[in-house]
Amino acid sequence: MLNMSELALKMLEWEAKRRELDALTAEIQAAVKTIGRTQTVGNVRASYSKGRRTFDYQRAGQVASEVIIAACTTPRVDWRQVCQMADITDVPFALSAPSVTVKLLDAA
């Protein structure tokens, strides 16, 4: 068991190493974002995600008929269903920023 002085030293060591690893992770993430593809080296994987699309079904569905909108209201309007029933395929969307997750793979 560690005494209080040893514990304090371990915690300070952990802080320094954590800051170092956070900086290294940020460098890896920036490089992989530039490459634009997941990279695996040894047991380390940096997974690239180009961002998620968020669809604005409500804005697209506003042009649907009152009958369709009423049919999709129970008690709130299901705008995705409105778009499907009205055959609206041109639904605007927003794209989130790309991201990279760095993880250690299981060494089996």
N, C-alpha and C. Protein backbone atom coordinates (compact mmCIF):
# COMPACT_ATOMS: atom_id res chain seq x y z
N MET A 1 0.83 -1.18 0.00
CA MET A 1 0.00 0.00 0.00
C MET A 1 0.87 1.25 0.00
N LEU A 2 0.45 2.27 -0.72
CA LEU A 2 1.22 3.50 -0.83
C LEU A 2 0.96 4.40 0.37
N ASN A 3 2.03 5.06 0.81
CA ASN A 3 1.80 6.09 1.83
C ASN A 3 1.38 7.38 1.12
N MET A 4 1.02 8.40 1.85
CA MET A 4 0.48 9.62 1.26
C MET A 4 1.47 10.32 0.33
N SER A 5 2.74 10.30 0.66
CA SER A 5 3.76 10.93 -0.19
C SER A 5 3.90 10.17 -1.51
N GLU A 6 3.91 8.84 -1.42
CA GLU A 6 4.01 8.02 -2.63
C GLU A 6 2.77 8.19 -3.51
N LEU A 7 1.62 8.26 -2.88
CA LEU A 7 0.39 8.48 -3.62
C LEU A 7 0.43 9.82 -4.35
N ALA A 8 0.88 10.85 -3.66
CA ALA A 8 0.98 12.18 -4.27
C ALA A 8 1.90 12.14 -5.48
N LEU A 9 3.05 11.47 -5.35
CA LEU A 9 3.99 11.36 -6.47
C LEU A 9 3.38 10.61 -7.65
N LYS A 10 2.66 9.52 -7.36
CA LYS A 10 2.00 8.74 -8.42
C LYS A 10 0.95 9.59 -9.13
N MET A 11 0.20 10.37 -8.37
CA MET A 11 -0.84 11.21 -8.98
C MET A 11 -0.22 12.29 -9.86
N LEU A 12 0.89 12.88 -9.42
CA LEU A 12 1.58 13.88 -10.24
C LEU A 12 2.17 13.25 -11.50
N GLU A 13 2.69 12.03 -11.36
CA GLU A 13 3.22 11.30 -12.52
C GLU A 13 2.09 11.00 -13.51
N TRP A 14 0.94 10.58 -12.99
CA TRP A 14 -0.22 10.30 -13.84
C TRP A 14 -0.65 11.55 -14.59
N GLU A 15 -0.68 12.69 -13.89
CA GLU A 15 -1.07 13.94 -14.53
C GLU A 15 -0.14 14.27 -15.70
N ALA A 16 1.16 14.16 -15.48
CA ALA A 16 2.13 14.49 -16.52
C ALA A 16 1.99 13.56 -17.72
N LYS A 17 1.85 12.27 -17.46
CA LYS A 17 1.71 11.30 -18.55
C LYS A 17 0.39 11.49 -19.29
N ARG A 18 -0.67 11.80 -18.55
CA ARG A 18 -1.97 12.02 -19.18
C ARG A 18 -1.93 13.22 -20.12
N ARG A 19 -1.30 14.30 -19.68
CA ARG A 19 -1.16 15.49 -20.53
C ARG A 19 -0.34 15.17 -21.78
N GLU A 20 0.70 14.38 -21.62
CA GLU A 20 1.54 13.98 -22.75
C GLU A 20 0.73 13.13 -23.73
N LEU A 21 -0.04 12.16 -23.22
CA LEU A 21 -0.86 11.31 -24.08
C LEU A 21 -1.98 12.10 -24.76
N ASP A 22 -2.58 13.06 -24.05
CA ASP A 22 -3.61 13.90 -24.66
C ASP A 22 -3.04 14.70 -25.84
N ALA A 23 -1.83 15.22 -25.67
CA ALA A 23 -1.18 15.97 -26.75
C ALA A 23 -0.87 15.04 -27.94
N LEU A 24 -0.39 13.84 -27.66
CA LEU A 24 -0.08 12.87 -28.71
C LEU A 24 -1.36 12.45 -29.43
N THR A 25 -2.44 12.25 -28.68
CA THR A 25 -3.73 11.90 -29.28
C THR A 25 -4.21 13.00 -30.22
N ALA A 26 -4.08 14.24 -29.79
CA ALA A 26 -4.49 15.37 -30.63
C ALA A 26 -3.69 15.41 -31.93
N GLU A 27 -2.40 15.12 -31.88
CA GLU A 27 -1.57 15.08 -33.09
C GLU A 27 -2.05 13.98 -34.04
N ILE A 28 -2.32 12.80 -33.48
CA ILE A 28 -2.79 11.67 -34.29
C ILE A 28 -4.14 12.01 -34.92
N GLN A 29 -5.05 12.59 -34.14
CA GLN A 29 -6.37 12.95 -34.66
C GLN A 29 -6.26 13.95 -35.80
N ALA A 30 -5.42 14.94 -35.66
CA ALA A 30 -5.25 15.94 -36.71
C ALA A 30 -4.71 15.30 -37.99
N ALA A 31 -3.75 14.41 -37.85
CA ALA A 31 -3.16 13.75 -39.02
C ALA A 31 -4.18 12.87 -39.72
N VAL A 32 -4.96 12.11 -38.96
CA VAL A 32 -5.95 11.20 -39.55
C VAL A 32 -7.09 11.99 -40.20
N LYS A 33 -7.47 13.13 -39.61
CA LYS A 33 -8.48 13.98 -40.25
C LYS A 33 -7.99 14.46 -41.61
N THR A 34 -6.72 14.78 -41.71
CA THR A 34 -6.13 15.22 -42.98
C THR A 34 -6.14 14.09 -43.99
N ILE A 35 -5.81 12.88 -43.56
CA ILE A 35 -5.81 11.71 -44.45
C ILE A 35 -7.23 11.35 -44.86
N GLY A 36 -8.16 11.43 -43.92
CA GLY A 36 -9.56 11.16 -44.21
C GLY A 36 -9.95 9.69 -44.24
N ARG A 37 -9.13 8.83 -43.62
CA ARG A 37 -9.42 7.39 -43.57
C ARG A 37 -8.94 6.83 -42.24
N THR A 38 -9.61 5.78 -41.78
CA THR A 38 -9.19 5.08 -40.56
C THR A 38 -7.80 4.50 -40.77
N GLN A 39 -6.98 4.61 -39.74
CA GLN A 39 -5.61 4.09 -39.79
C GLN A 39 -5.40 3.12 -38.64
N THR A 40 -4.77 1.98 -38.94
CA THR A 40 -4.43 1.00 -37.91
C THR A 40 -2.95 0.68 -38.02
N VAL A 41 -2.25 0.84 -36.90
CA VAL A 41 -0.83 0.51 -36.85
C VAL A 41 -0.61 -0.26 -35.55
N GLY A 42 -0.10 -1.48 -35.70
CA GLY A 42 0.08 -2.33 -34.52
C GLY A 42 -1.28 -2.57 -33.87
N ASN A 43 -1.38 -2.30 -32.60
CA ASN A 43 -2.63 -2.48 -31.86
C ASN A 43 -3.35 -1.15 -31.60
N VAL A 44 -3.02 -0.14 -32.40
CA VAL A 44 -3.65 1.17 -32.24
C VAL A 44 -4.48 1.47 -33.48
N ARG A 45 -5.73 1.87 -33.26
CA ARG A 45 -6.60 2.24 -34.38
C ARG A 45 -7.10 3.66 -34.16
N ALA A 46 -6.95 4.49 -35.20
CA ALA A 46 -7.50 5.84 -35.22
C ALA A 46 -8.66 5.79 -36.22
N SER A 47 -9.89 5.76 -35.69
CA SER A 47 -11.08 5.61 -36.52
C SER A 47 -11.59 6.96 -36.99
N TYR A 48 -11.67 7.13 -38.29
CA TYR A 48 -12.13 8.38 -38.90
C TYR A 48 -13.63 8.32 -39.15
N SER A 49 -14.31 9.39 -38.80
CA SER A 49 -15.74 9.52 -39.10
C SER A 49 -15.92 10.83 -39.85
N LYS A 50 -16.53 10.76 -41.03
CA LYS A 50 -16.67 11.97 -41.84
C LYS A 50 -17.74 12.91 -41.33
N GLY A 51 -18.45 12.51 -40.30
CA GLY A 51 -19.51 13.35 -39.73
C GLY A 51 -20.86 12.70 -39.97
N ARG A 52 -21.81 13.05 -39.14
CA ARG A 52 -23.15 12.47 -39.24
C ARG A 52 -24.09 13.47 -39.88
N ARG A 53 -25.01 12.93 -40.68
CA ARG A 53 -26.02 13.78 -41.29
C ARG A 53 -27.24 13.86 -40.37
N THR A 54 -27.78 15.06 -40.21
CA THR A 54 -29.00 15.28 -39.45
C THR A 54 -30.01 15.88 -40.43
N PHE A 55 -31.06 15.12 -40.69
CA PHE A 55 -32.05 15.53 -41.68
C PHE A 55 -33.10 16.47 -41.09
N ASP A 56 -33.53 17.45 -41.88
CA ASP A 56 -34.58 18.39 -41.47
C ASP A 56 -35.88 18.00 -42.16
N TYR A 57 -36.49 16.93 -41.65
CA TYR A 57 -37.73 16.43 -42.24
C TYR A 57 -38.87 17.43 -42.12
N GLN A 58 -38.88 18.20 -41.05
CA GLN A 58 -39.97 19.16 -40.86
C GLN A 58 -39.97 20.20 -41.97
N ARG A 59 -38.81 20.74 -42.27
CA ARG A 59 -38.73 21.77 -43.32
C ARG A 59 -39.15 21.20 -44.67
N ALA A 60 -38.72 19.99 -44.96
CA ALA A 60 -39.08 19.37 -46.24
C ALA A 60 -40.55 18.99 -46.28
N GLY A 61 -41.10 18.54 -45.15
CA GLY A 61 -42.48 18.06 -45.11
C GLY A 61 -43.54 19.14 -45.08
N GLN A 62 -43.14 20.38 -44.91
CA GLN A 62 -44.10 21.48 -44.87
C GLN A 62 -44.92 21.60 -46.16
N VAL A 63 -44.38 21.11 -47.26
CA VAL A 63 -45.10 21.23 -48.55
C VAL A 63 -46.10 20.10 -48.77
N ALA A 64 -46.14 19.14 -47.87
CA ALA A 64 -47.08 18.01 -48.00
C ALA A 64 -48.51 18.50 -47.76
N SER A 65 -49.45 17.74 -48.23
CA SER A 65 -50.87 18.12 -48.07
C SER A 65 -51.28 18.03 -46.61
N GLU A 66 -52.32 18.78 -46.27
CA GLU A 66 -52.86 18.78 -44.91
C GLU A 66 -53.32 17.37 -44.50
N VAL A 67 -53.83 16.62 -45.47
CA VAL A 67 -54.33 15.27 -45.20
C VAL A 67 -53.18 14.37 -44.74
N ILE A 68 -52.06 14.44 -45.43
CA ILE A 68 -50.90 13.61 -45.07
C ILE A 68 -50.36 14.03 -43.70
N ILE A 69 -50.24 15.33 -43.49
CA ILE A 69 -49.73 15.82 -42.20
C ILE A 69 -50.66 15.38 -41.07
N ALA A 70 -51.96 15.48 -41.29
CA ALA A 70 -52.92 15.05 -40.26
C ALA A 70 -52.82 13.55 -39.99
N ALA A 71 -52.59 12.77 -41.03
CA ALA A 71 -52.47 11.31 -40.88
C ALA A 71 -51.22 10.92 -40.09
N CYS A 72 -50.23 11.79 -40.08
CA CYS A 72 -48.97 11.50 -39.39
C CYS A 72 -48.88 12.21 -38.04
N THR A 73 -50.00 12.67 -37.53
CA THR A 73 -50.01 13.40 -36.26
C THR A 73 -50.70 12.56 -35.20
N THR A 74 -49.91 12.07 -34.23
CA THR A 74 -50.47 11.27 -33.11
C THR A 74 -49.58 11.36 -31.89
N PRO A 75 -49.60 12.21 -30.97
CA PRO A 75 -50.18 13.55 -30.99
C PRO A 75 -49.26 14.56 -31.67
N ARG A 76 -47.98 14.18 -31.88
CA ARG A 76 -47.06 15.09 -32.57
C ARG A 76 -46.90 14.66 -34.01
N VAL A 77 -46.48 15.58 -34.84
CA VAL A 77 -46.28 15.28 -36.25
C VAL A 77 -44.98 14.49 -36.42
N ASP A 78 -45.06 13.35 -37.10
CA ASP A 78 -43.89 12.56 -37.45
C ASP A 78 -43.46 13.02 -38.85
N TRP A 79 -42.56 14.01 -38.89
CA TRP A 79 -42.21 14.64 -40.16
C TRP A 79 -41.49 13.68 -41.10
N ARG A 80 -40.77 12.72 -40.56
CA ARG A 80 -40.11 11.72 -41.42
C ARG A 80 -41.17 10.90 -42.15
N GLN A 81 -42.20 10.51 -41.42
CA GLN A 81 -43.28 9.75 -42.03
C GLN A 81 -44.04 10.61 -43.06
N VAL A 82 -44.19 11.88 -42.76
CA VAL A 82 -44.83 12.80 -43.72
C VAL A 82 -44.05 12.79 -45.02
N CYS A 83 -42.74 12.90 -44.94
CA CYS A 83 -41.91 12.92 -46.15
C CYS A 83 -42.02 11.60 -46.91
N GLN A 84 -42.07 10.49 -46.18
CA GLN A 84 -42.20 9.19 -46.84
C GLN A 84 -43.54 9.07 -47.55
N MET A 85 -44.62 9.44 -46.86
CA MET A 85 -45.95 9.32 -47.45
C MET A 85 -46.13 10.26 -48.64
N ALA A 86 -45.49 11.43 -48.59
CA ALA A 86 -45.63 12.42 -49.66
C ALA A 86 -44.57 12.22 -50.75
N ASP A 87 -43.78 11.15 -50.65
CA ASP A 87 -42.70 10.87 -51.61
C ASP A 87 -41.73 12.04 -51.76
N ILE A 88 -41.41 12.67 -50.65
CA ILE A 88 -40.43 13.77 -50.66
C ILE A 88 -39.06 13.15 -50.41
N THR A 89 -38.21 13.21 -51.41
CA THR A 89 -36.88 12.60 -51.29
C THR A 89 -35.78 13.64 -51.13
N ASP A 90 -36.06 14.88 -51.47
CA ASP A 90 -35.06 15.93 -51.35
C ASP A 90 -35.18 16.58 -49.98
N VAL A 91 -34.59 15.92 -48.97
CA VAL A 91 -34.67 16.39 -47.59
C VAL A 91 -33.33 17.06 -47.24
N PRO A 92 -33.37 18.34 -46.84
CA PRO A 92 -32.11 19.01 -46.49
C PRO A 92 -31.50 18.39 -45.23
N PHE A 93 -30.19 18.49 -45.13
CA PHE A 93 -29.51 17.93 -43.95
C PHE A 93 -28.30 18.78 -43.59
N ALA A 94 -27.88 18.65 -42.34
CA ALA A 94 -26.66 19.28 -41.86
C ALA A 94 -25.65 18.17 -41.60
N LEU A 95 -24.39 18.46 -41.81
CA LEU A 95 -23.33 17.47 -41.61
C LEU A 95 -22.44 17.94 -40.46
N SER A 96 -22.30 17.11 -39.45
CA SER A 96 -21.44 17.47 -38.31
C SER A 96 -19.97 17.40 -38.74
N ALA A 97 -19.13 17.96 -37.92
CA ALA A 97 -17.70 17.99 -38.22
C ALA A 97 -17.11 16.58 -38.17
N PRO A 98 -16.09 16.32 -39.01
CA PRO A 98 -15.41 15.02 -38.95
C PRO A 98 -14.76 14.82 -37.58
N SER A 99 -14.61 13.55 -37.20
CA SER A 99 -13.98 13.26 -35.91
C SER A 99 -13.09 12.03 -36.03
N VAL A 100 -12.20 11.90 -35.08
CA VAL A 100 -11.30 10.74 -35.03
C VAL A 100 -11.26 10.24 -33.59
N THR A 101 -11.39 8.93 -33.43
CA THR A 101 -11.29 8.30 -32.12
C THR A 101 -10.07 7.37 -32.13
N VAL A 102 -9.21 7.54 -31.16
CA VAL A 102 -8.01 6.71 -31.06
C VAL A 102 -8.22 5.71 -29.93
N LYS A 103 -7.98 4.42 -30.26
CA LYS A 103 -8.13 3.40 -29.22
C LYS A 103 -7.10 2.31 -29.38
N LEU A 104 -6.90 1.60 -28.28
CA LEU A 104 -5.99 0.47 -28.24
C LEU A 104 -6.81 -0.79 -28.50
N LEU A 105 -6.41 -1.58 -29.48
CA LEU A 105 -7.10 -2.82 -29.81
C LEU A 105 -6.66 -3.94 -28.86
N ASP A 106 -7.50 -4.93 -28.71
CA ASP A 106 -7.14 -6.08 -27.90
C ASP A 106 -6.01 -6.83 -28.60
N ALA A 107 -4.98 -7.11 -27.89
CA ALA A 107 -3.85 -7.87 -28.43
C ALA A 107 -4.12 -9.34 -28.17
N ALA A 108 -4.74 -9.99 -29.17
CA ALA A 108 -5.10 -11.40 -28.97
C ALA A 108 -4.09 -12.32 -29.58
